[in-house]
Amino acid sequence: MTAGNAAIDLAERRVEQECAAGVARIQAAIRGQYQAVEVTASPFCECGERIPDARRQAIPNCTRCVDCETFIERQSRRRA
């Protein structure tokens, strides 16, 4: 496995984790059990840009800004 493939695999795992966490929050909200989640991840993206607070609240522990996440998702779709 090359370093590029390892990075892509890591990014895909992070996206899956973020999606799973989002689904769990939505399910809890539907059941009326939603509780605020403390954001513990760095407020900065891997690219150095600040991740907007709204995104960090919607997806706790996210590590990328919207632009970087979009780029990674597009790369993943091209590989598939």
Foldseek 3Di string as FASTA:
>chain_A
DDPVVVVLVVLVVLVVVQVVVLVVQVVCVVVVNHDFDDADADQAAPVGHGADPVVCRNRGNDRHHPVVNVVSVVVVVVVD
